[in-house]
């Protein structure tokens, strides 16, 4: 169940960040209200995730996957530029999140 909560937390965080961009510095009411609602939902689901998952792994997945999703949304829908450095950086983030998940159940002695 914690993975479902974490996926919901990531999706709400991503929606909150898109709303942040669309709010234009809190000058637009609807995106501003959505921003607060989405981030509230995200933190709620992240908190539920932390009941059964290590904070290091949960936070890495939450922030890492959120970064990747928001970067893709920026590139595909918000007209942000794509460069080799940005692409490689995103690949490194994904690699780090995967590595943390692989080692989650293998403690180092």
PDB file of N, CA and C in Angstrom:
ATOM      1  N   UNK A   1       0.814  -1.197   0.000  1.00  0.00           N
ATOM      2  CA  UNK A   1       0.000   0.000   0.000  1.00  0.00           C
ATOM      3  C   UNK A   1       0.859   1.265   0.000  1.00  0.00           C
ATOM      4  N   UNK A   2       2.072   1.184   0.610  1.00  0.00           N
ATOM      5  CA  UNK A   2       2.901   2.377   0.670  1.00  0.00           C
ATOM      6  C   UNK A   2       3.338   2.847  -0.714  1.00  0.00           C
ATOM      7  N   UNK A   3       3.479   1.936  -1.674  1.00  0.00           N
ATOM      8  CA  UNK A   3       3.852   2.361  -3.024  1.00  0.00           C
ATOM      9  C   UNK A   3       2.703   3.113  -3.696  1.00  0.00           C
ATOM     10  N   UNK A   4       1.476   2.697  -3.432  1.00  0.00           N
ATOM     11  CA  UNK A   4       0.320   3.432  -3.957  1.00  0.00           C
ATOM     12  C   UNK A   4       0.286   4.840  -3.374  1.00  0.00           C
ATOM     13  N   UNK A   5       0.474   4.956  -2.068  1.00  0.00           N
ATOM     14  CA  UNK A   5       0.507   6.268  -1.431  1.00  0.00           C
ATOM     15  C   UNK A   5       1.628   7.132  -2.003  1.00  0.00           C
ATOM     16  N   UNK A   6       2.781   6.513  -2.221  1.00  0.00           N
ATOM     17  CA  UNK A   6       3.913   7.275  -2.748  1.00  0.00           C
ATOM     18  C   UNK A   6       3.647   7.740  -4.181  1.00  0.00           C
ATOM     19  N   UNK A   7       3.044   6.892  -4.996  1.00  0.00           N
ATOM     20  CA  UNK A   7       2.690   7.297  -6.366  1.00  0.00           C
ATOM     21  C   UNK A   7       1.702   8.457  -6.349  1.00  0.00           C
ATOM     22  N   UNK A   8       0.716   8.389  -5.472  1.00  0.00           N
ATOM     23  CA  UNK A   8      -0.244   9.494  -5.349  1.00  0.00           C
ATOM     24  C   UNK A   8       0.447  10.769  -4.874  1.00  0.00           C
ATOM     25  N   UNK A   9       1.371  10.625  -3.926  1.00  0.00           N
ATOM     26  CA  UNK A   9       2.117  11.788  -3.439  1.00  0.00           C
ATOM     27  C   UNK A   9       2.894  12.444  -4.577  1.00  0.00           C
ATOM     28  N   UNK A  10       3.532  11.646  -5.414  1.00  0.00           N
ATOM     29  CA  UNK A  10       4.304  12.167  -6.544  1.00  0.00           C
ATOM     30  C   UNK A  10       3.380  12.870  -7.544  1.00  0.00           C
ATOM     31  N   UNK A  11       2.252  12.241  -7.860  1.00  0.00           N
ATOM     32  CA  UNK A  11       1.327  12.836  -8.827  1.00  0.00           C
ATOM     33  C   UNK A  11       0.762  14.160  -8.320  1.00  0.00           C
ATOM     34  N   UNK A  12       0.388  14.210  -7.045  1.00  0.00           N
ATOM     35  CA  UNK A  12      -0.130  15.458  -6.489  1.00  0.00           C
ATOM     36  C   UNK A  12       0.960  16.532  -6.406  1.00  0.00           C
ATOM     37  N   UNK A  13       2.181  16.125  -6.105  1.00  0.00           N
ATOM     38  CA  UNK A  13       3.287  17.083  -6.058  1.00  0.00           C
ATOM     39  C   UNK A  13       3.541  17.661  -7.443  1.00  0.00           C
ATOM     40  N   UNK A  14       3.480  16.814  -8.452  1.00  0.00           N
ATOM     41  CA  UNK A  14       3.672  17.270  -9.827  1.00  0.00           C
ATOM     42  C   UNK A  14       2.551  18.227 -10.237  1.00  0.00           C
ATOM     43  N   UNK A  15       1.320  17.876  -9.902  1.00  0.00           N
ATOM     44  CA  UNK A  15       0.187  18.762 -10.212  1.00  0.00           C
ATOM     45  C   UNK A  15       0.331  20.088  -9.467  1.00  0.00           C
ATOM     46  N   UNK A  16       0.827  20.026  -8.240  1.00  0.00           N
ATOM     47  CA  UNK A  16       1.048  21.253  -7.467  1.00  0.00           C
ATOM     48  C   UNK A  16       2.100  22.145  -8.093  1.00  0.00           C
ATOM     49  N   UNK A  17       3.152  21.544  -8.618  1.00  0.00           N
ATOM     50  CA  UNK A  17       4.214  22.325  -9.242  1.00  0.00           C
ATOM     51  C   UNK A  17       3.744  22.950 -10.555  1.00  0.00           C
ATOM     52  N   UNK A  18       2.963  22.202 -11.333  1.00  0.00           N
ATOM     53  CA  UNK A  18       2.384  22.780 -12.550  1.00  0.00           C
ATOM     54  C   UNK A  18       1.464  23.940 -12.182  1.00  0.00           C
ATOM     55  N   UNK A  19       0.660  23.755 -11.144  1.00  0.00           N
ATOM     56  CA  UNK A  19      -0.229  24.830 -10.682  1.00  0.00           C
ATOM     57  C   UNK A  19       0.574  26.040 -10.222  1.00  0.00           C
ATOM     58  N   UNK A  20       1.736  25.791  -9.602  1.00  0.00           N
ATOM     59  CA  UNK A  20       2.606  26.886  -9.171  1.00  0.00           C
ATOM     60  C   UNK A  20       3.037  27.726 -10.372  1.00  0.00           C
ATOM     61  N   UNK A  21       3.433  27.061 -11.433  1.00  0.00           N
ATOM     62  CA  UNK A  21       3.833  27.764 -12.646  1.00  0.00           C
ATOM     63  C   UNK A  21       2.647  28.549 -13.218  1.00  0.00           C
ATOM     64  N   UNK A  22       1.477  27.923 -13.254  1.00  0.00           N
ATOM     65  CA  UNK A  22       0.290  28.547 -13.838  1.00  0.00           C
ATOM     66  C   UNK A  22      -0.285  29.663 -12.962  1.00  0.00           C
ATOM     67  N   UNK A  23       0.058  29.667 -11.670  1.00  0.00           N
ATOM     68  CA  UNK A  23      -0.481  30.688 -10.766  1.00  0.00           C
ATOM     69  C   UNK A  23       0.132  32.062 -11.006  1.00  0.00           C
ATOM     70  N   UNK A  24       1.269  32.090 -11.725  1.00  0.00           N
ATOM     71  CA  UNK A  24       1.951  33.345 -12.036  1.00  0.00           C
ATOM     72  C   UNK A  24       2.227  34.153 -10.765  1.00  0.00           C
ATOM     73  N   UNK A  25       2.904  33.495  -9.828  1.00  0.00           N
ATOM     74  CA  UNK A  25       3.269  34.174  -8.571  1.00  0.00           C
ATOM     75  C   UNK A  25       2.065  34.469  -7.695  1.00  0.00           C
ATOM     76  N   UNK A  26       1.128  33.545  -7.625  1.00  0.00           N
ATOM     77  CA  UNK A  26      -0.109  33.669  -6.840  1.00  0.00           C
ATOM     78  C   UNK A  26      -1.021  34.785  -7.347  1.00  0.00           C
ATOM     79  N   UNK A  27      -0.855  35.212  -8.603  1.00  0.00           N
ATOM     80  CA  UNK A  27      -1.708  36.283  -9.131  1.00  0.00           C
ATOM     81  C   UNK A  27      -2.983  35.739  -9.782  1.00  0.00           C
ATOM     82  N   UNK A  28      -3.045  34.442 -10.011  1.00  0.00           N
ATOM     83  CA  UNK A  28      -4.246  33.810 -10.571  1.00  0.00           C
ATOM     84  C   UNK A  28      -4.856  32.926  -9.500  1.00  0.00           C
ATOM     85  N   UNK A  29      -6.140  33.142  -9.216  1.00  0.00           N
ATOM     86  CA  UNK A  29      -6.787  32.517  -8.061  1.00  0.00           C
ATOM     87  C   UNK A  29      -6.903  31.000  -8.198  1.00  0.00           C
ATOM     88  N   UNK A  30      -7.458  30.513  -9.289  1.00  0.00           N
ATOM     89  CA  UNK A  30      -7.713  29.067  -9.408  1.00  0.00           C
ATOM     90  C   UNK A  30      -6.422  28.248  -9.327  1.00  0.00           C
ATOM     91  N   UNK A  31      -5.398  28.553 -10.107  1.00  0.00           N
ATOM     92  CA  UNK A  31      -4.160  27.775  -9.957  1.00  0.00           C
ATOM     93  C   UNK A  31      -3.539  27.918  -8.566  1.00  0.00           C
ATOM     94  N   UNK A  32      -3.701  29.065  -7.925  1.00  0.00           N
ATOM     95  CA  UNK A  32      -3.150  29.265  -6.577  1.00  0.00           C
ATOM     96  C   UNK A  32      -3.842  28.368  -5.564  1.00  0.00           C
ATOM     97  N   UNK A  33      -5.158  28.265  -5.661  1.00  0.00           N
ATOM     98  CA  UNK A  33      -5.920  27.392  -4.756  1.00  0.00           C
ATOM     99  C   UNK A  33      -5.576  25.932  -5.038  1.00  0.00           C
ATOM    100  N   UNK A  34      -5.480  25.571  -6.323  1.00  0.00           N
ATOM    101  CA  UNK A  34      -5.114  24.201  -6.687  1.00  0.00           C
ATOM    102  C   UNK A  34      -3.722  23.846  -6.185  1.00  0.00           C
ATOM    103  N   UNK A  35      -2.798  24.789  -6.276  1.00  0.00           N
ATOM    104  CA  UNK A  35      -1.439  24.583  -5.777  1.00  0.00           C
ATOM    105  C   UNK A  35      -1.473  24.150  -4.311  1.00  0.00           C
ATOM    106  N   UNK A  36      -2.193  24.877  -3.497  1.00  0.00           N
ATOM    107  CA  UNK A  36      -2.268  24.554  -2.065  1.00  0.00           C
ATOM    108  C   UNK A  36      -2.949  23.211  -1.830  1.00  0.00           C
ATOM    109  N   UNK A  37      -4.016  22.941  -2.580  1.00  0.00           N
ATOM    110  CA  UNK A  37      -4.736  21.669  -2.417  1.00  0.00           C
ATOM    111  C   UNK A  37      -3.865  20.488  -2.842  1.00  0.00           C
ATOM    112  N   UNK A  38      -3.197  20.638  -3.980  1.00  0.00           N
ATOM    113  CA  UNK A  38      -2.357  19.532  -4.477  1.00  0.00           C
ATOM    114  C   UNK A  38      -1.171  19.264  -3.556  1.00  0.00           C
ATOM    115  N   UNK A  39      -0.520  20.315  -3.083  1.00  0.00           N
ATOM    116  CA  UNK A  39       0.608  20.101  -2.177  1.00  0.00           C
ATOM    117  C   UNK A  39       0.137  19.529  -0.835  1.00  0.00           C
ATOM    118  N   UNK A  40      -1.037  19.949  -0.373  1.00  0.00           N
ATOM    119  CA  UNK A  40      -1.594  19.360   0.855  1.00  0.00           C
ATOM    120  C   UNK A  40      -1.844  17.871   0.687  1.00  0.00           C
ATOM    121  N   UNK A  41      -2.425  17.494  -0.461  1.00  0.00           N
ATOM    122  CA  UNK A  41      -2.671  16.077  -0.737  1.00  0.00           C
ATOM    123  C   UNK A  41      -1.358  15.316  -0.864  1.00  0.00           C
ATOM    124  N   UNK A  42      -0.384  15.914  -1.535  1.00  0.00           N
ATOM    125  CA  UNK A  42       0.909  15.257  -1.703  1.00  0.00           C
ATOM    126  C   UNK A  42       1.570  14.969  -0.364  1.00  0.00           C
ATOM    127  N   UNK A  43       1.599  15.967   0.499  1.00  0.00           N
ATOM    128  CA  UNK A  43       2.235  15.777   1.807  1.00  0.00           C
ATOM    129  C   UNK A  43       1.458  14.795   2.677  1.00  0.00           C
ATOM    130  N   UNK A  44       0.140  14.762   2.513  1.00  0.00           N
ATOM    131  CA  UNK A  44      -0.668  13.779   3.242  1.00  0.00           C
ATOM    132  C   UNK A  44      -0.283  12.368   2.826  1.00  0.00           C
ATOM    133  N   UNK A  45      -0.219  12.123   1.520  1.00  0.00           N
ATOM    134  CA  UNK A  45       0.129  10.783   1.051  1.00  0.00           C
ATOM    135  C   UNK A  45       1.590  10.442   1.344  1.00  0.00           C
ATOM    136  N   UNK A  46       2.481  11.419   1.296  1.00  0.00           N
ATOM    137  CA  UNK A  46       3.869  11.157   1.657  1.00  0.00           C
ATOM    138  C   UNK A  46       3.967  10.769   3.134  1.00  0.00           C
ATOM    139  N   UNK A  47       3.206  11.441   3.976  1.00  0.00           N
ATOM    140  CA  UNK A  47       3.197  11.111   5.407  1.00  0.00           C
ATOM    141  C   UNK A  47       2.690   9.691   5.630  1.00  0.00           C
ATOM    142  N   UNK A  48       1.652   9.293   4.903  1.00  0.00           N
ATOM    143  CA  UNK A  48       1.146   7.914   5.024  1.00  0.00           C
ATOM    144  C   UNK A  48       2.187   6.910   4.537  1.00  0.00           C
ATOM    145  N   UNK A  49       2.924   7.274   3.509  1.00  0.00           N
ATOM    146  CA  UNK A  49       3.987   6.407   3.005  1.00  0.00           C
ATOM    147  C   UNK A  49       5.043   6.155   4.074  1.00  0.00           C
ATOM    148  N   UNK A  50       5.372   7.204   4.822  1.00  0.00           N
ATOM    149  CA  UNK A  50       6.460   7.109   5.800  1.00  0.00           C
ATOM    150  C   UNK A  50       6.119   6.233   7.001  1.00  0.00           C
ATOM    151  N   UNK A  51       4.866   5.841   7.126  1.00  0.00           N
ATOM    152  CA  UNK A  51       4.507   4.913   8.210  1.00  0.00           C
ATOM    153  C   UNK A  51       5.167   3.556   8.010  1.00  0.00           C
ATOM    154  N   UNK A  52       5.435   3.175   6.747  1.00  0.00           N
ATOM    155  CA  UNK A  52       5.954   1.830   6.482  1.00  0.00           C
ATOM    156  C   UNK A  52       7.183   1.807   5.579  1.00  0.00           C
ATOM    157  N   UNK A  53       7.714   2.975   5.208  1.00  0.00           N
ATOM    158  CA  UNK A  53       8.870   3.016   4.307  1.00  0.00           C
ATOM    159  C   UNK A  53       9.931   3.934   4.895  1.00  0.00           C
ATOM    160  N   UNK A  54      11.179   3.597   4.668  1.00  0.00           N
ATOM    161  CA  UNK A  54      12.279   4.449   5.120  1.00  0.00           C
ATOM    162  C   UNK A  54      12.176   5.832   4.497  1.00  0.00           C
ATOM    163  N   UNK A  55      12.420   6.852   5.296  1.00  0.00           N
ATOM    164  CA  UNK A  55      12.306   8.223   4.806  1.00  0.00           C
ATOM    165  C   UNK A  55      13.314   8.500   3.693  1.00  0.00           C
ATOM    166  N   UNK A  56      14.499   7.902   3.760  1.00  0.00           N
ATOM    167  CA  UNK A  56      15.515   8.159   2.729  1.00  0.00           C
ATOM    168  C   UNK A  56      15.046   7.685   1.362  1.00  0.00           C
ATOM    169  N   UNK A  57      14.442   6.526   1.310  1.00  0.00           N
ATOM    170  CA  UNK A  57      13.964   5.978   0.039  1.00  0.00           C
ATOM    171  C   UNK A  57      12.712   6.725  -0.423  1.00  0.00           C
ATOM    172  N   UNK A  58      11.771   6.917   0.482  1.00  0.00           N
ATOM    173  CA  UNK A  58      10.519   7.587   0.112  1.00  0.00           C
ATOM    174  C   UNK A  58      10.775   8.992  -0.410  1.00  0.00           C
ATOM    175  N   UNK A  59      11.615   9.745   0.274  1.00  0.00           N
ATOM    176  CA  UNK A  59      11.876  11.116  -0.143  1.00  0.00           C
ATOM    177  C   UNK A  59      12.649  11.156  -1.453  1.00  0.00           C
ATOM    178  N   UNK A  60      13.575  10.232  -1.635  1.00  0.00           N
ATOM    179  CA  UNK A  60      14.334  10.179  -2.888  1.00  0.00           C
ATOM    180  C   UNK A  60      13.412   9.884  -4.062  1.00  0.00           C
ATOM    181  N   UNK A  61      12.509   8.938  -3.881  1.00  0.00           N
ATOM    182  CA  UNK A  61      11.569   8.603  -4.949  1.00  0.00           C
ATOM    183  C   UNK A  61      10.630   9.781  -5.198  1.00  0.00           C
ATOM    184  N   UNK A  62      10.080  10.349  -4.117  1.00  0.00           N
ATOM    185  CA  UNK A  62       9.132  11.463  -4.232  1.00  0.00           C
ATOM    186  C   UNK A  62       9.761  12.637  -4.972  1.00  0.00           C
ATOM    187  N   UNK A  63      10.945  13.028  -4.544  1.00  0.00           N
ATOM    188  CA  UNK A  63      11.573  14.187  -5.177  1.00  0.00           C
ATOM    189  C   UNK A  63      12.148  13.842  -6.549  1.00  0.00           C
ATOM    190  N   UNK A  64      12.777  12.690  -6.675  1.00  0.00           N
ATOM    191  CA  UNK A  64      13.404  12.307  -7.942  1.00  0.00           C
ATOM    192  C   UNK A  64      12.402  12.097  -9.060  1.00  0.00           C
ATOM    193  N   UNK A  65      11.362  11.328  -8.778  1.00  0.00           N
ATOM    194  CA  UNK A  65      10.343  11.095  -9.808  1.00  0.00           C
ATOM    195  C   UNK A  65       9.599  12.392 -10.102  1.00  0.00           C
ATOM    196  N   UNK A  66       9.367  13.190  -9.071  1.00  0.00           N
ATOM    197  CA  UNK A  66       8.732  14.487  -9.281  1.00  0.00           C
ATOM    198  C   UNK A  66       9.564  15.381 -10.192  1.00  0.00           C
ATOM    199  N   UNK A  67      10.874  15.397  -9.990  1.00  0.00           N
ATOM    200  CA  UNK A  67      11.764  16.191 -10.842  1.00  0.00           C
ATOM    201  C   UNK A  67      11.691  15.715 -12.291  1.00  0.00           C
ATOM    202  N   UNK A  68      11.725  14.412 -12.473  1.00  0.00           N
ATOM    203  CA  UNK A  68      11.677  13.867 -13.831  1.00  0.00           C
ATOM    204  C   UNK A  68      10.344  14.219 -14.499  1.00  0.00           C
ATOM    205  N   UNK A  69       9.241  14.008 -13.792  1.00  0.00           N
ATOM    206  CA  UNK A  69       7.929  14.310 -14.373  1.00  0.00           C
ATOM    207  C   UNK A  69       7.774  15.786 -14.700  1.00  0.00           C
ATOM    208  N   UNK A  70       8.154  16.649 -13.766  1.00  0.00           N
ATOM    209  CA  UNK A  70       7.983  18.080 -14.017  1.00  0.00           C
ATOM    210  C   UNK A  70       8.919  18.547 -15.117  1.00  0.00           C
ATOM    211  N   UNK A  71      10.097  17.950 -15.233  1.00  0.00           N
ATOM    212  CA  UNK A  71      11.002  18.300 -16.336  1.00  0.00           C
ATOM    213  C   UNK A  71      10.390  17.911 -17.676  1.00  0.00           C
ATOM    214  N   UNK A  72       9.831  16.724 -17.753  1.00  0.00           N
ATOM    215  CA  UNK A  72       9.186  16.287 -18.994  1.00  0.00           C
ATOM    216  C   UNK A  72       7.999  17.178 -19.350  1.00  0.00           C
ATOM    217  N   UNK A  73       7.197  17.545 -18.356  1.00  0.00           N
ATOM    218  CA  UNK A  73       6.071  18.445 -18.594  1.00  0.00           C
ATOM    219  C   UNK A  73       6.585  19.800 -19.083  1.00  0.00           C
ATOM    220  N   UNK A  74       7.657  20.279 -18.477  1.00  0.00           N
ATOM    221  CA  UNK A  74       8.253  21.536 -18.915  1.00  0.00           C
ATOM    222  C   UNK A  74       8.724  21.481 -20.354  1.00  0.00           C
ATOM    223  N   UNK A  75       9.394  20.384 -20.710  1.00  0.00           N
ATOM    224  CA  UNK A  75       9.902  20.232 -22.069  1.00  0.00           C
ATOM    225  C   UNK A  75       8.760  20.092 -23.078  1.00  0.00           C
ATOM    226  N   UNK A  76       7.766  19.251 -22.742  1.00  0.00           N
ATOM    227  CA  UNK A  76       6.720  18.898 -23.705  1.00  0.00           C
ATOM    228  C   UNK A  76       5.590  19.919 -23.797  1.00  0.00           C
ATOM    229  N   UNK A  77       5.250  20.573 -22.685  1.00  0.00           N
ATOM    230  CA  UNK A  77       4.046  21.410 -22.682  1.00  0.00           C
ATOM    231  C   UNK A  77       4.288  22.878 -22.325  1.00  0.00           C
ATOM    232  N   UNK A  78       5.397  23.182 -21.687  1.00  0.00           N
ATOM    233  CA  UNK A  78       5.612  24.553 -21.231  1.00  0.00           C
ATOM    234  C   UNK A  78       6.696  25.272 -22.013  1.00  0.00           C
ATOM    235  N   UNK A  79       7.185  24.645 -23.064  1.00  0.00           N
ATOM    236  CA  UNK A  79       8.142  25.300 -23.949  1.00  0.00           C
ATOM    237  C   UNK A  79       9.538  25.487 -23.390  1.00  0.00           C
ATOM    238  N   UNK A  80       9.914  24.694 -22.396  1.00  0.00           N
ATOM    239  CA  UNK A  80      11.259  24.812 -21.839  1.00  0.00           C
ATOM    240  C   UNK A  80      12.272  24.125 -22.758  1.00  0.00           C
ATOM    241  N   UNK A  81      13.480  24.627 -22.752  1.00  0.00           N
ATOM    242  CA  UNK A  81      14.510  24.084 -23.629  1.00  0.00           C
ATOM    243  C   UNK A  81      15.042  22.754 -23.104  1.00  0.00           C
ATOM    244  N   UNK A  82      15.494  21.931 -24.052  1.00  0.00           N
ATOM    245  CA  UNK A  82      16.103  20.643 -23.725  1.00  0.00           C
ATOM    246  C   UNK A  82      17.553  20.713 -24.182  1.00  0.00           C
ATOM    247  N   UNK A  83      18.455  20.225 -23.331  1.00  0.00           N
ATOM    248  CA  UNK A  83      19.868  20.175 -23.700  1.00  0.00           C
ATOM    249  C   UNK A  83      20.433  18.826 -23.282  1.00  0.00           C
ATOM    250  N   UNK A  84      21.606  18.532 -23.772  1.00  0.00           N
ATOM    251  CA  UNK A  84      22.281  17.284 -23.407  1.00  0.00           C
ATOM    252  C   UNK A  84      22.534  17.246 -21.902  1.00  0.00           C
ATOM    253  N   UNK A  85      22.956  18.352 -21.339  1.00  0.00           N
ATOM    254  CA  UNK A  85      23.244  18.405 -19.904  1.00  0.00           C
ATOM    255  C   UNK A  85      21.971  18.122 -19.101  1.00  0.00           C
ATOM    256  N   UNK A  86      20.850  18.716 -19.485  1.00  0.00           N
ATOM    257  CA  UNK A  86      19.589  18.461 -18.784  1.00  0.00           C
ATOM    258  C   UNK A  86      19.186  16.995 -18.901  1.00  0.00           C
ATOM    259  N   UNK A  87      19.300  16.437 -20.106  1.00  0.00           N
ATOM    260  CA  UNK A  87      18.924  15.041 -20.321  1.00  0.00           C
ATOM    261  C   UNK A  87      19.796  14.095 -19.501  1.00  0.00           C
ATOM    262  N   UNK A  88      21.089  14.320 -19.503  1.00  0.00           N
ATOM    263  CA  UNK A  88      22.009  13.477 -18.725  1.00  0.00           C
ATOM    264  C   UNK A  88      21.715  13.620 -17.234  1.00  0.00           C
ATOM    265  N   UNK A  89      21.428  14.822 -16.786  1.00  0.00           N
ATOM    266  CA  UNK A  89      21.112  15.047 -15.370  1.00  0.00           C
ATOM    267  C   UNK A  89      19.866  14.283 -14.956  1.00  0.00           C
ATOM    268  N   UNK A  90      18.862  14.276 -15.803  1.00  0.00           N
ATOM    269  CA  UNK A  90      17.631  13.532 -15.503  1.00  0.00           C
ATOM    270  C   UNK A  90      17.912  12.037 -15.460  1.00  0.00           C
ATOM    271  N   UNK A  91      18.732  11.561 -16.379  1.00  0.00           N
ATOM    272  CA  UNK A  91      19.110  10.140 -16.364  1.00  0.00           C
ATOM    273  C   UNK A  91      19.842   9.796 -15.073  1.00  0.00           C
ATOM    274  N   UNK A  92      20.697  10.677 -14.599  1.00  0.00           N
ATOM    275  CA  UNK A  92      21.407  10.437 -13.336  1.00  0.00           C
ATOM    276  C   UNK A  92      20.442  10.406 -12.147  1.00  0.00           C
ATOM    277  N   UNK A  93      19.442  11.255 -12.169  1.00  0.00           N
ATOM    278  CA  UNK A  93      18.431  11.242 -11.100  1.00  0.00           C
ATOM    279  C   UNK A  93      17.698   9.907 -11.107  1.00  0.00           C
ATOM    280  N   UNK A  94      17.275   9.466 -12.277  1.00  0.00           N
ATOM    281  CA  UNK A  94      16.577   8.173 -12.378  1.00  0.00           C
ATOM    282  C   UNK A  94      17.474   7.048 -11.887  1.00  0.00           C
ATOM    283  N   UNK A  95      18.744   7.080 -12.266  1.00  0.00           N
ATOM    284  CA  UNK A  95      19.703   6.058 -11.834  1.00  0.00           C
ATOM    285  C   UNK A  95      19.820   6.040 -10.309  1.00  0.00           C
ATOM    286  N   UNK A  96      19.890   7.201  -9.704  1.00  0.00           N
ATOM    287  CA  UNK A  96      19.988   7.282  -8.246  1.00  0.00           C
ATOM    288  C   UNK A  96      18.752   6.735  -7.545  1.00  0.00           C
ATOM    289  N   UNK A  97      17.578   7.050  -8.053  1.00  0.00           N
ATOM    290  CA  UNK A  97      16.338   6.552  -7.455  1.00  0.00           C
ATOM    291  C   UNK A  97      16.267   5.032  -7.579  1.00  0.00           C
ATOM    292  N   UNK A  98      16.618   4.506  -8.742  1.00  0.00           N
ATOM    293  CA  UNK A  98      16.616   3.053  -8.939  1.00  0.00           C
ATOM    294  C   UNK A  98      17.616   2.391  -7.997  1.00  0.00           C
ATOM    295  N   UNK A  99      18.805   2.953  -7.881  1.00  0.00           N
ATOM    296  CA  UNK A  99      19.825   2.381  -6.995  1.00  0.00           C
ATOM    297  C   UNK A  99      19.353   2.359  -5.545  1.00  0.00           C
ATOM    298  N   UNK A 100      18.704   3.427  -5.103  1.00  0.00           N
ATOM    299  CA  UNK A 100      18.179   3.443  -3.733  1.00  0.00           C
ATOM    300  C   UNK A 100      17.129   2.366  -3.528  1.00  0.00           C
ATOM    301  N   UNK A 101      16.279   2.161  -4.517  1.00  0.00           N
ATOM    302  CA  UNK A 101      15.251   1.131  -4.400  1.00  0.00           C
ATOM    303  C   UNK A 101      15.838  -0.267  -4.398  1.00  0.00           C
ATOM    304  N   UNK A 102      16.885  -0.471  -5.171  1.00  0.00           N
ATOM    305  CA  UNK A 102      17.532  -1.784  -5.203  1.00  0.00           C
ATOM    306  C   UNK A 102      18.158  -2.090  -3.852  1.00  0.00           C
ATOM    307  N   UNK A 103      18.754  -1.087  -3.228  1.00  0.00           N
ATOM    308  CA  UNK A 103      19.443  -1.309  -1.962  1.00  0.00           C
ATOM    309  C   UNK A 103      18.524  -1.185  -0.749  1.00  0.00           C
ATOM    310  N   UNK A 104      17.259  -0.846  -0.952  1.00  0.00           N
ATOM    311  CA  UNK A 104      16.329  -0.651   0.183  1.00  0.00           C
ATOM    312  C   UNK A 104      16.256  -1.897   1.065  1.00  0.00           C
ATOM    313  N   UNK A 105      16.265  -3.063   0.461  1.00  0.00           N
ATOM    314  CA  UNK A 105      16.109  -4.298   1.224  1.00  0.00           C
ATOM    315  C   UNK A 105      17.418  -5.048   1.423  1.00  0.00           C
ATOM    316  N   UNK A 106      18.536  -4.377   1.105  1.00  0.00           N
ATOM    317  CA  UNK A 106      19.851  -5.006   1.261  1.00  0.00           C
ATOM    318  C   UNK A 106      20.728  -4.114   2.123  1.00  0.00           C
ATOM    319  N   UNK A 107      20.647  -4.267   3.436  1.00  0.00           N
ATOM    320  CA  UNK A 107      21.471  -3.407   4.291  1.00  0.00           C
ATOM    321  C   UNK A 107      22.963  -3.686   4.094  1.00  0.00           C
ATOM    322  N   UNK A 108      23.735  -2.619   4.138  1.00  0.00           N
ATOM    323  CA  UNK A 108      25.186  -2.735   4.019  1.00  0.00           C
ATOM    324  C   UNK A 108      25.777  -2.928   5.414  1.00  0.00           C
ATOM    325  N   UNK A 109      26.605  -3.933   5.568  1.00  0.00           N
ATOM    326  CA  UNK A 109      27.210  -4.216   6.875  1.00  0.00           C
ATOM    327  C   UNK A 109      28.616  -3.692   6.949  1.00  0.00           C
TER     328      UNK A 109
END
